C-alpha atoms as a PDB file:
ATOM      1  CA  MET A   1     -90.472  12.098 -10.958  1.00  0.00           C
ATOM      2  CA  SER A   2     -86.758  12.433 -10.322  1.00  0.00           C
ATOM      3  CA  PRO A   3     -85.900  14.504  -7.252  1.00  0.00           C
ATOM      4  CA  ARG A   4     -84.167  17.840  -7.171  1.00  0.00           C
ATOM      5  CA  VAL A   5     -81.298  18.070  -4.703  1.00  0.00           C
ATOM      6  CA  LEU A   6     -80.061  21.240  -3.084  1.00  0.00           C
ATOM      7  CA  LEU A   7     -76.336  20.749  -2.484  1.00  0.00           C
ATOM      8  CA  LEU A   8     -75.018  23.173   0.123  1.00  0.00           C
ATOM      9  CA  GLY A   9     -71.265  23.572  -0.120  1.00  0.00           C
ATOM     10  CA  GLY A  10     -71.335  22.639  -3.785  1.00  0.00           C
ATOM     11  CA  HIS A  11     -67.657  23.368  -4.452  1.00  0.00           C
ATOM     12  CA  GLY A  12     -66.377  21.152  -1.642  1.00  0.00           C
ATOM     13  CA  LYS A  13     -64.360  18.080  -2.565  1.00  0.00           C
ATOM     14  CA  VAL A  14     -67.108  15.595  -1.606  1.00  0.00           C
ATOM     15  CA  SER A  15     -69.773  17.669  -3.354  1.00  0.00           C
ATOM     16  CA  LEU A  16     -67.779  17.792  -6.606  1.00  0.00           C
ATOM     17  CA  LEU A  17     -67.661  14.003  -6.557  1.00  0.00           C
ATOM     18  CA  LEU A  18     -71.295  13.584  -5.480  1.00  0.00           C
ATOM     19  CA  THR A  19     -72.743  15.891  -8.145  1.00  0.00           C
ATOM     20  CA  PRO A  20     -72.038  13.707 -11.224  1.00  0.00           C
ATOM     21  CA  ILE A  21     -73.322  10.612  -9.424  1.00  0.00           C
ATOM     22  CA  LEU A  22     -76.661  12.264  -8.788  1.00  0.00           C
ATOM     23  CA  LEU A  23     -76.829  13.696 -12.295  1.00  0.00           C
ATOM     24  CA  SER A  24     -76.171  10.256 -13.773  1.00  0.00           C
ATOM     25  CA  ARG A  25     -79.467   9.131 -12.231  1.00  0.00           C
ATOM     26  CA  SER A  26     -81.373  11.879 -14.060  1.00  0.00           C
ATOM     27  CA  TRP A  27     -81.710  13.779 -10.803  1.00  0.00           C
ATOM     28  CA  SER A  28     -81.524  17.566 -10.824  1.00  0.00           C
ATOM     29  CA  VAL A  29     -78.951  19.357  -8.675  1.00  0.00           C
ATOM     30  CA  THR A  30     -78.850  22.953  -7.521  1.00  0.00           C
ATOM     31  CA  SER A  31     -75.325  23.577  -6.254  1.00  0.00           C
ATOM     32  CA  VAL A  32     -74.837  26.409  -3.787  1.00  0.00           C
ATOM     33  CA  ILE A  33     -71.405  28.015  -4.039  1.00  0.00           C
ATOM     34  CA  ARG A  34     -69.960  31.151  -2.477  1.00  0.00           C
ATOM     35  CA  ASP A  35     -67.919  32.388  -5.439  1.00  0.00           C
ATOM     36  CA  SER A  36     -69.248  32.947  -8.953  1.00  0.00           C
ATOM     37  CA  SER A  37     -65.817  32.031 -10.349  1.00  0.00           C
ATOM     38  CA  GLN A  38     -66.601  28.427  -9.395  1.00  0.00           C
ATOM     39  CA  THR A  39     -69.697  28.320 -11.616  1.00  0.00           C
ATOM     40  CA  GLU A  40     -68.053  26.948 -14.766  1.00  0.00           C
ATOM     41  CA  GLU A  41     -66.448  24.082 -12.888  1.00  0.00           C
ATOM     42  CA  ILE A  42     -69.770  23.118 -11.325  1.00  0.00           C
ATOM     43  CA  LEU A  43     -71.695  23.327 -14.583  1.00  0.00           C
ATOM     44  CA  SER A  44     -69.066  21.161 -16.305  1.00  0.00           C
ATOM     45  CA  LYS A  45     -70.180  18.273 -14.072  1.00  0.00           C
ATOM     46  CA  GLY A  46     -73.416  18.196 -16.038  1.00  0.00           C
ATOM     47  CA  LYS A  47     -71.877  17.674 -19.481  1.00  0.00           C
ATOM     48  CA  GLY A  48     -73.182  14.464 -21.021  1.00  0.00           C
ATOM     49  CA  GLN A  49     -75.358  13.717 -17.996  1.00  0.00           C
ATOM     50  CA  PRO A  50     -79.102  13.067 -18.131  1.00  0.00           C
ATOM     51  CA  GLY A  51     -79.732  15.191 -15.015  1.00  0.00           C
ATOM     52  CA  LYS A  52     -79.797  18.961 -14.917  1.00  0.00           C
ATOM     53  CA  ILE A  53     -77.369  21.133 -12.938  1.00  0.00           C
ATOM     54  CA  ASP A  54     -77.721  24.789 -11.962  1.00  0.00           C
ATOM     55  CA  VAL A  55     -75.914  27.064  -9.555  1.00  0.00           C
ATOM     56  CA  LEU A  56     -76.873  29.492  -6.820  1.00  0.00           C
ATOM     57  CA  VAL A  57     -74.195  31.889  -5.588  1.00  0.00           C
ATOM     58  CA  ARG A  58     -74.721  32.463  -1.861  1.00  0.00           C
ATOM     59  CA  SER A  59     -72.416  32.841   1.108  1.00  0.00           C
ATOM     60  CA  LEU A  60     -73.524  30.410   3.780  1.00  0.00           C
ATOM     61  CA  GLU A  61     -71.687  32.497   6.306  1.00  0.00           C
ATOM     62  CA  ASP A  62     -74.210  35.257   5.636  1.00  0.00           C
ATOM     63  CA  ILE A  63     -77.206  33.019   6.351  1.00  0.00           C
ATOM     64  CA  THR A  64     -78.119  34.269   9.817  1.00  0.00           C
ATOM     65  CA  SER A  65     -81.780  33.302  10.067  1.00  0.00           C
ATOM     66  CA  GLU A  66     -84.231  30.567   9.125  1.00  0.00           C
ATOM     67  CA  GLN A  67     -85.960  33.080   6.863  1.00  0.00           C
ATOM     68  CA  GLN A  68     -82.801  33.598   4.830  1.00  0.00           C
ATOM     69  CA  ALA A  69     -82.318  29.851   4.498  1.00  0.00           C
ATOM     70  CA  GLN A  70     -85.987  29.537   3.478  1.00  0.00           C
ATOM     71  CA  SER A  71     -85.433  32.030   0.667  1.00  0.00           C
ATOM     72  CA  VAL A  72     -82.768  29.720  -0.809  1.00  0.00           C
ATOM     73  CA  LEU A  73     -85.101  26.729  -0.497  1.00  0.00           C
ATOM     74  CA  ASP A  74     -87.915  28.685  -2.134  1.00  0.00           C
ATOM     75  CA  GLU A  75     -85.686  29.561  -5.065  1.00  0.00           C
ATOM     76  CA  ALA A  76     -84.262  26.050  -5.554  1.00  0.00           C
ATOM     77  CA  LYS A  77     -87.444  24.089  -4.728  1.00  0.00           C
ATOM     78  CA  PRO A  78     -85.660  20.837  -3.767  1.00  0.00           C
ATOM     79  CA  GLN A  79     -87.118  17.629  -2.423  1.00  0.00           C
ATOM     80  CA  TYR A  80     -83.797  16.621  -0.870  1.00  0.00           C
ATOM     81  CA  VAL A  81     -81.181  18.783   0.863  1.00  0.00           C
ATOM     82  CA  VAL A  82     -77.529  17.823   1.340  1.00  0.00           C
ATOM     83  CA  TRP A  83     -75.271  19.737   3.716  1.00  0.00           C
ATOM     84  CA  SER A  84     -71.646  19.217   2.686  1.00  0.00           C
ATOM     85  CA  ALA A  85     -70.396  22.662   3.711  1.00  0.00           C
ATOM     86  CA  GLY A  86     -68.118  23.928   6.420  1.00  0.00           C
ATOM     87  CA  ALA A  87     -65.633  26.580   7.442  1.00  0.00           C
ATOM     88  CA  GLY A  88     -62.810  24.130   6.813  1.00  0.00           C
ATOM     89  CA  GLY A  89     -60.827  25.477   9.742  1.00  0.00           C
ATOM     90  CA  LYS A  90     -60.550  28.923   8.140  1.00  0.00           C
ATOM     91  CA  GLY A  91     -61.509  32.071  10.048  1.00  0.00           C
ATOM     92  CA  GLY A  92     -61.198  30.698  13.542  1.00  0.00           C
ATOM     93  CA  SER A  93     -63.894  29.547  15.910  1.00  0.00           C
ATOM     94  CA  THR A  94     -66.268  32.399  15.081  1.00  0.00           C
ATOM     95  CA  ARG A  95     -66.542  31.321  11.452  1.00  0.00           C
ATOM     96  CA  THR A  96     -66.777  27.650  12.428  1.00  0.00           C
ATOM     97  CA  TYR A  97     -69.790  28.319  14.580  1.00  0.00           C
ATOM     98  CA  ALA A  98     -71.327  30.656  12.008  1.00  0.00           C
ATOM     99  CA  ILE A  99     -71.253  28.029   9.245  1.00  0.00           C
ATOM    100  CA  ASP A 100     -70.965  24.542  10.754  1.00  0.00           C
ATOM    101  CA  ARG A 101     -73.550  25.207  13.506  1.00  0.00           C
ATOM    102  CA  ASP A 102     -75.645  28.293  12.894  1.00  0.00           C
ATOM    103  CA  ALA A 103     -76.133  28.267   9.133  1.00  0.00           C
ATOM    104  CA  ALA A 104     -76.568  24.493   9.178  1.00  0.00           C
ATOM    105  CA  GLN A 105     -79.288  24.781  11.815  1.00  0.00           C
ATOM    106  CA  HIS A 106     -81.076  27.521   9.860  1.00  0.00           C
ATOM    107  CA  PHE A 107     -81.224  25.262   6.812  1.00  0.00           C
ATOM    108  CA  ILE A 108     -82.286  22.287   8.934  1.00  0.00           C
ATOM    109  CA  ARG A 109     -85.157  24.232  10.449  1.00  0.00           C
ATOM    110  CA  ALA A 110     -86.256  25.682   7.146  1.00  0.00           C
ATOM    111  CA  SER A 111     -86.106  22.232   5.520  1.00  0.00           C
ATOM    112  CA  VAL A 112     -88.075  20.519   8.274  1.00  0.00           C
ATOM    113  CA  HIS A 113     -90.691  23.267   8.032  1.00  0.00           C
ATOM    114  CA  THR A 114     -91.052  22.823   4.249  1.00  0.00           C
ATOM    115  CA  PRO A 115     -93.525  19.985   3.550  1.00  0.00           C
ATOM    116  CA  SER A 116     -92.197  19.332   0.055  1.00  0.00           C
ATOM    117  CA  ILE A 117     -88.722  18.539   1.440  1.00  0.00           C
ATOM    118  CA  THR A 118     -88.606  14.916   2.519  1.00  0.00           C
ATOM    119  CA  LYS A 119     -84.910  14.198   3.075  1.00  0.00           C
ATOM    120  CA  PHE A 120     -81.909  15.975   4.591  1.00  0.00           C
ATOM    121  CA  LEU A 121     -78.444  14.410   4.494  1.00  0.00           C
ATOM    122  CA  MET A 122     -75.771  15.915   6.708  1.00  0.00           C
ATOM    123  CA  ILE A 123     -72.088  15.164   6.126  1.00  0.00           C
ATOM    124  CA  SER A 124     -70.671  15.088   9.640  1.00  0.00           C
ATOM    125  CA  TYR A 125     -67.743  13.189  11.115  1.00  0.00           C
ATOM    126  CA  ILE A 126     -67.280  10.039  13.142  1.00  0.00           C
ATOM    127  CA  GLY A 127     -66.411  11.755  16.416  1.00  0.00           C
ATOM    128  CA  SER A 128     -69.597  13.791  16.609  1.00  0.00           C
ATOM    129  CA  ARG A 129     -71.232  12.299  19.696  1.00  0.00           C
ATOM    130  CA  ARG A 130     -71.521  12.847  23.446  1.00  0.00           C
ATOM    131  CA  ASN A 131     -71.485   9.323  24.821  1.00  0.00           C
ATOM    132  CA  HIS A 132     -69.243   6.262  24.594  1.00  0.00           C
ATOM    133  CA  PRO A 133     -70.784   3.926  22.003  1.00  0.00           C
ATOM    134  CA  SER A 134     -70.895   0.317  23.066  1.00  0.00           C
ATOM    135  CA  TRP A 135     -69.034  -0.869  19.914  1.00  0.00           C
ATOM    136  CA  TRP A 136     -65.978   1.318  20.611  1.00  0.00           C
ATOM    137  CA  SER A 137     -63.175   0.225  22.915  1.00  0.00           C
ATOM    138  CA  ASP A 138     -62.191   2.359  25.872  1.00  0.00           C
ATOM    139  CA  ASP A 139     -59.048   3.357  24.035  1.00  0.00           C
ATOM    140  CA  GLU A 140     -60.977   4.411  20.965  1.00  0.00           C
ATOM    141  CA  TRP A 141     -63.329   6.516  23.071  1.00  0.00           C
ATOM    142  CA  ALA A 142     -60.424   8.124  24.950  1.00  0.00           C
ATOM    143  CA  GLY A 143     -58.745   8.962  21.656  1.00  0.00           C
ATOM    144  CA  SER A 144     -61.907  10.513  20.249  1.00  0.00           C
ATOM    145  CA  GLN A 145     -62.429  12.602  23.374  1.00  0.00           C
ATOM    146  CA  LYS A 146     -58.825  13.798  23.258  1.00  0.00           C
ATOM    147  CA  THR A 147     -59.239  14.937  19.651  1.00  0.00           C
ATOM    148  CA  ASN A 148     -62.619  16.528  20.316  1.00  0.00           C
ATOM    149  CA  SER A 149     -61.343  18.514  23.286  1.00  0.00           C
ATOM    150  CA  GLY A 150     -58.148  19.514  21.503  1.00  0.00           C
ATOM    151  CA  ALA A 151     -57.612  20.134  17.808  1.00  0.00           C
ATOM    152  CA  LEU A 152     -61.322  19.799  16.911  1.00  0.00           C
ATOM    153  CA  LYS A 153     -62.775  21.500  19.985  1.00  0.00           C
ATOM    154  CA  HIS A 154     -64.911  24.111  18.264  1.00  0.00           C
ATOM    155  CA  TYR A 155     -65.647  21.959  15.227  1.00  0.00           C
ATOM    156  CA  HIS A 156     -66.875  19.172  17.507  1.00  0.00           C
ATOM    157  CA  VAL A 157     -69.281  21.442  19.342  1.00  0.00           C
ATOM    158  CA  ALA A 158     -70.597  22.982  16.121  1.00  0.00           C
ATOM    159  CA  LYS A 159     -71.090  19.704  14.276  1.00  0.00           C
ATOM    160  CA  LEU A 160     -72.655  17.919  17.239  1.00  0.00           C
ATOM    161  CA  ASP A 161     -75.151  20.754  17.714  1.00  0.00           C
ATOM    162  CA  ALA A 162     -76.107  20.554  14.043  1.00  0.00           C
ATOM    163  CA  ASP A 163     -76.412  16.778  14.087  1.00  0.00           C
ATOM    164  CA  GLU A 164     -78.578  16.814  17.182  1.00  0.00           C
ATOM    165  CA  CYS A 165     -80.767  19.592  15.822  1.00  0.00           C
ATOM    166  CA  LEU A 166     -81.433  17.602  12.637  1.00  0.00           C
ATOM    167  CA  THR A 167     -82.105  14.425  14.566  1.00  0.00           C
ATOM    168  CA  ALA A 168     -84.485  16.066  17.015  1.00  0.00           C
ATOM    169  CA  LEU A 169     -86.492  18.079  14.512  1.00  0.00           C
ATOM    170  CA  ALA A 170     -86.772  15.143  12.108  1.00  0.00           C
ATOM    171  CA  LYS A 171     -88.220  13.029  14.879  1.00  0.00           C
ATOM    172  CA  GLN A 172     -90.831  15.683  15.557  1.00  0.00           C
ATOM    173  CA  ARG A 173     -91.655  16.094  11.868  1.00  0.00           C
ATOM    174  CA  GLY A 174     -92.368  12.362  11.634  1.00  0.00           C
ATOM    175  CA  ASP A 175     -91.884   9.512   9.188  1.00  0.00           C
ATOM    176  CA  ALA A 176     -92.472  11.697   6.122  1.00  0.00           C
ATOM    177  CA  PHE A 177     -89.019  13.267   6.694  1.00  0.00           C
ATOM    178  CA  ALA A 178     -85.755  11.306   6.598  1.00  0.00           C
ATOM    179  CA  ALA A 179     -82.747  12.675   8.432  1.00  0.00           C
ATOM    180  CA  ILE A 180     -79.461  11.040   7.460  1.00  0.00           C
ATOM    181  CA  VAL A 181     -76.205  11.874   9.249  1.00  0.00           C
ATOM    182  CA  LEU A 182     -73.212  10.390   7.420  1.00  0.00           C
ATOM    183  CA  ARG A 183     -70.172  10.313   9.671  1.00  0.00           C
ATOM    184  CA  PRO A 184     -66.905   9.486   7.899  1.00  0.00           C
ATOM    185  CA  GLY A 185     -63.515   9.035   9.517  1.00  0.00           C
ATOM    186  CA  SER A 186     -60.447  10.886   8.286  1.00  0.00           C
ATOM    187  CA  LEU A 187     -60.943  11.970   4.694  1.00  0.00           C
ATOM    188  CA  THR A 188     -58.408  11.221   1.965  1.00  0.00           C
ATOM    189  CA  ASP A 189     -58.117  12.155  -1.706  1.00  0.00           C
ATOM    190  CA  ASP A 190     -57.237   8.553  -2.630  1.00  0.00           C
ATOM    191  CA  GLU A 191     -59.011   6.901  -5.492  1.00  0.00           C
ATOM    192  CA  PRO A 192     -62.312   5.414  -4.317  1.00  0.00           C
ATOM    193  CA  THR A 193     -62.265   1.665  -3.834  1.00  0.00           C
ATOM    194  CA  GLY A 194     -66.029   1.138  -3.815  1.00  0.00           C
ATOM    195  CA  ARG A 195     -65.606  -0.875  -0.640  1.00  0.00           C
ATOM    196  CA  VAL A 196     -66.409   0.457   2.819  1.00  0.00           C
ATOM    197  CA  ALA A 197     -67.287  -0.292   6.414  1.00  0.00           C
ATOM    198  CA  LEU A 198     -70.663   1.356   7.153  1.00  0.00           C
ATOM    199  CA  GLY A 199     -72.657   1.455  10.378  1.00  0.00           C
ATOM    200  CA  ARG A 200     -71.130   0.523  13.697  1.00  0.00           C
ATOM    201  CA  THR A 201     -67.462   0.823  12.801  1.00  0.00           C
ATOM    202  CA  SER A 202     -64.235   1.371  14.657  1.00  0.00           C
ATOM    203  CA  ALA A 203     -63.539   4.912  15.812  1.00  0.00           C
ATOM    204  CA  LYS A 204     -60.242   5.063  13.991  1.00  0.00           C
ATOM    205  CA  GLY A 205     -59.664   4.969  10.275  1.00  0.00           C
ATOM    206  CA  GLN A 206     -59.941   6.786   7.013  1.00  0.00           C
ATOM    207  CA  VAL A 207     -62.067   6.783   3.886  1.00  0.00           C
ATOM    208  CA  SER A 208     -61.726   8.425   0.495  1.00  0.00           C
ATOM    209  CA  ARG A 209     -63.926  11.353  -0.383  1.00  0.00           C
ATOM    210  CA  GLY A 210     -65.003   9.458  -3.478  1.00  0.00           C
ATOM    211  CA  ASP A 211     -66.337   6.618  -1.327  1.00  0.00           C
ATOM    212  CA  VAL A 212     -68.098   9.135   0.939  1.00  0.00           C
ATOM    213  CA  ALA A 213     -69.823  10.578  -2.128  1.00  0.00           C
ATOM    214  CA  ALA A 214     -70.855   7.072  -3.320  1.00  0.00           C
ATOM    215  CA  VAL A 215     -72.269   6.173   0.093  1.00  0.00           C
ATOM    216  CA  ALA A 216     -74.104   9.515   0.343  1.00  0.00           C
ATOM    217  CA  ALA A 217     -75.664   8.882  -3.058  1.00  0.00           C
ATOM    218  CA  GLY A 218     -76.650   5.373  -2.012  1.00  0.00           C
ATOM    219  CA  LEU A 219     -78.318   6.552   1.166  1.00  0.00           C
ATOM    220  CA  LEU A 220     -80.149   9.336  -0.673  1.00  0.00           C
ATOM    221  CA  GLY A 221     -81.466   6.789  -3.129  1.00  0.00           C
ATOM    222  CA  ASN A 222     -82.760   4.417  -0.436  1.00  0.00           C
ATOM    223  CA  GLU A 223     -86.277   5.314   0.668  1.00  0.00           C
ATOM    224  CA  GLN A 224     -85.835   3.670   4.081  1.00  0.00           C
ATOM    225  CA  ALA A 225     -82.485   5.191   5.022  1.00  0.00           C
ATOM    226  CA  ARG A 226     -82.503   7.391   8.113  1.00  0.00           C
ATOM    227  CA  GLY A 227     -80.304   7.836  11.168  1.00  0.00           C
ATOM    228  CA  TRP A 228     -76.584   8.066  11.921  1.00  0.00           C
ATOM    229  CA  TYR A 229     -74.118   6.020   9.887  1.00  0.00           C
ATOM    230  CA  ASP A 230     -70.405   5.854  10.633  1.00  0.00           C
ATOM    231  CA  LEU A 231     -68.162   5.267   7.636  1.00  0.00           C
ATOM    232  CA  LEU A 232     -64.608   4.020   7.080  1.00  0.00           C
ATOM    233  CA  GLU A 233     -62.787   2.234   4.279  1.00  0.00           C
ATOM    234  CA  GLY A 234     -63.562  -1.478   4.381  1.00  0.00           C
ATOM    235  CA  ASP A 235     -64.350  -4.662   2.477  1.00  0.00           C
ATOM    236  CA  GLU A 236     -68.044  -4.381   1.665  1.00  0.00           C
ATOM    237  CA  GLU A 237     -69.276  -2.997  -1.641  1.00  0.00           C
ATOM    238  CA  VAL A 238     -71.024   0.335  -1.262  1.00  0.00           C
ATOM    239  CA  ASP A 239     -74.423  -0.786  -2.521  1.00  0.00           C
ATOM    240  CA  GLU A 240     -74.398  -3.883  -0.347  1.00  0.00           C
ATOM    241  CA  ALA A 241     -73.305  -1.887   2.707  1.00  0.00           C
ATOM    242  CA  VAL A 242     -76.139   0.586   2.268  1.00  0.00           C
ATOM    243  CA  VAL A 243     -78.753  -2.127   1.828  1.00  0.00           C
ATOM    244  CA  LYS A 244     -77.448  -3.993   4.880  1.00  0.00           C
ATOM    245  CA  VAL A 245     -77.462  -1.085   7.330  1.00  0.00           C
ATOM    246  CA  VAL A 246     -80.948  -0.039   6.214  1.00  0.00           C
ATOM    247  CA  ARG A 247     -82.289  -3.582   6.345  1.00  0.00           C
ATOM    248  CA  ASP A 248     -80.807  -4.172   9.808  1.00  0.00           C
ATOM    249  CA  LYS A 249     -82.014  -0.773  11.050  1.00  0.00           C
ATOM    250  CA  VAL A 250     -78.516   0.204  12.138  1.00  0.00           C
ATOM    251  CA  ASP A 251     -78.435   3.677  13.731  1.00  0.00           C
ATOM    252  CA  CYS A 252     -75.253   4.951  15.355  1.00  0.00           C
ATOM    253  CA  VAL A 253     -77.278   7.422  17.395  1.00  0.00           C
ATOM    254  CA  GLU A 254     -77.600   4.453  19.744  1.00  0.00           C
ATOM    255  CA  GLY A 255     -76.326   5.438  23.175  1.00  0.00           C
ATOM    256  CA  GLU A 256     -77.044   9.138  22.684  1.00  0.00           C
ATOM    257  CA  ASP A 257     -79.793  10.926  24.604  1.00  0.00           C
ATOM    258  CA  GLY A 258     -82.598  11.415  22.104  1.00  0.00           C
ATOM    259  CA  GLU A 259     -84.961  12.853  24.671  1.00  0.00           C
ATOM    260  CA  ALA A 260     -82.444  15.549  25.585  1.00  0.00           C
ATOM    261  CA  MET A 261     -82.086  16.418  21.885  1.00  0.00           C
ATOM    262  CA  VAL A 262     -85.868  16.814  21.456  1.00  0.00           C
ATOM    263  CA  SER A 263     -86.058  18.825  24.637  1.00  0.00           C
ATOM    264  CA  LYS A 264     -83.356  21.206  23.368  1.00  0.00           C
ATOM    265  CA  TYR A 265     -84.572  21.548  19.777  1.00  0.00           C
ATOM    266  CA  LYS A 266     -88.297  22.193  19.204  1.00  0.00           C
ATOM    267  CA  LEU A 267     -90.140  22.605  15.924  1.00  0.00           C
END
């Protein structure tokens, strides 16, 4: 049976590009949006598609407990959850933490605690890590640290906490649950090329939102995909890139302290 996907942040630019890809596979999508005026645009993505689309109007900023997140899951009844939401730099640090960290973690916990949910894909960003990865140069690491301690200070903390929470809880849930953290570089609105660099990439670079959506769809459709995947524009076709990183068991969590994550985040 085709899966149902709960798409959190359904009116975001990546989500609007991801939705028709999933529907074209005959998957069902429940798109969570904060403003009912966005409903018509979301539903239009389902025209002529074999999959079914519906909308839930909820403010993620108002999700302040796992129980509230669970109520959304109970209503949508998904098998897969995609987090493609965020404060987008609006509302200052308080709103960033409320959405990018707290609401995300409430949905992560609720999803991990729901046996029928088997996959959670988080759209993060390439700089979300604590330690210097072995495949980055010293200059790349220094640049990432400068950005994370400057312009992206609060966003970095919020996203990293969410990524680590998902990684830790998924490990405790076991093999029946796949946690995927997709970590693109700088996002552009350029036309997608269908060609990317996926896995252990450079720290610097950009990628179109359309290619992010294509890679996200590819990872969701691969039963063996799990872990952290960095993403930039590149030369490899999306389908081939996804197959390769999964086959080679690439996981950009390498170098991070998994034991510390599990110690911090308990089921």
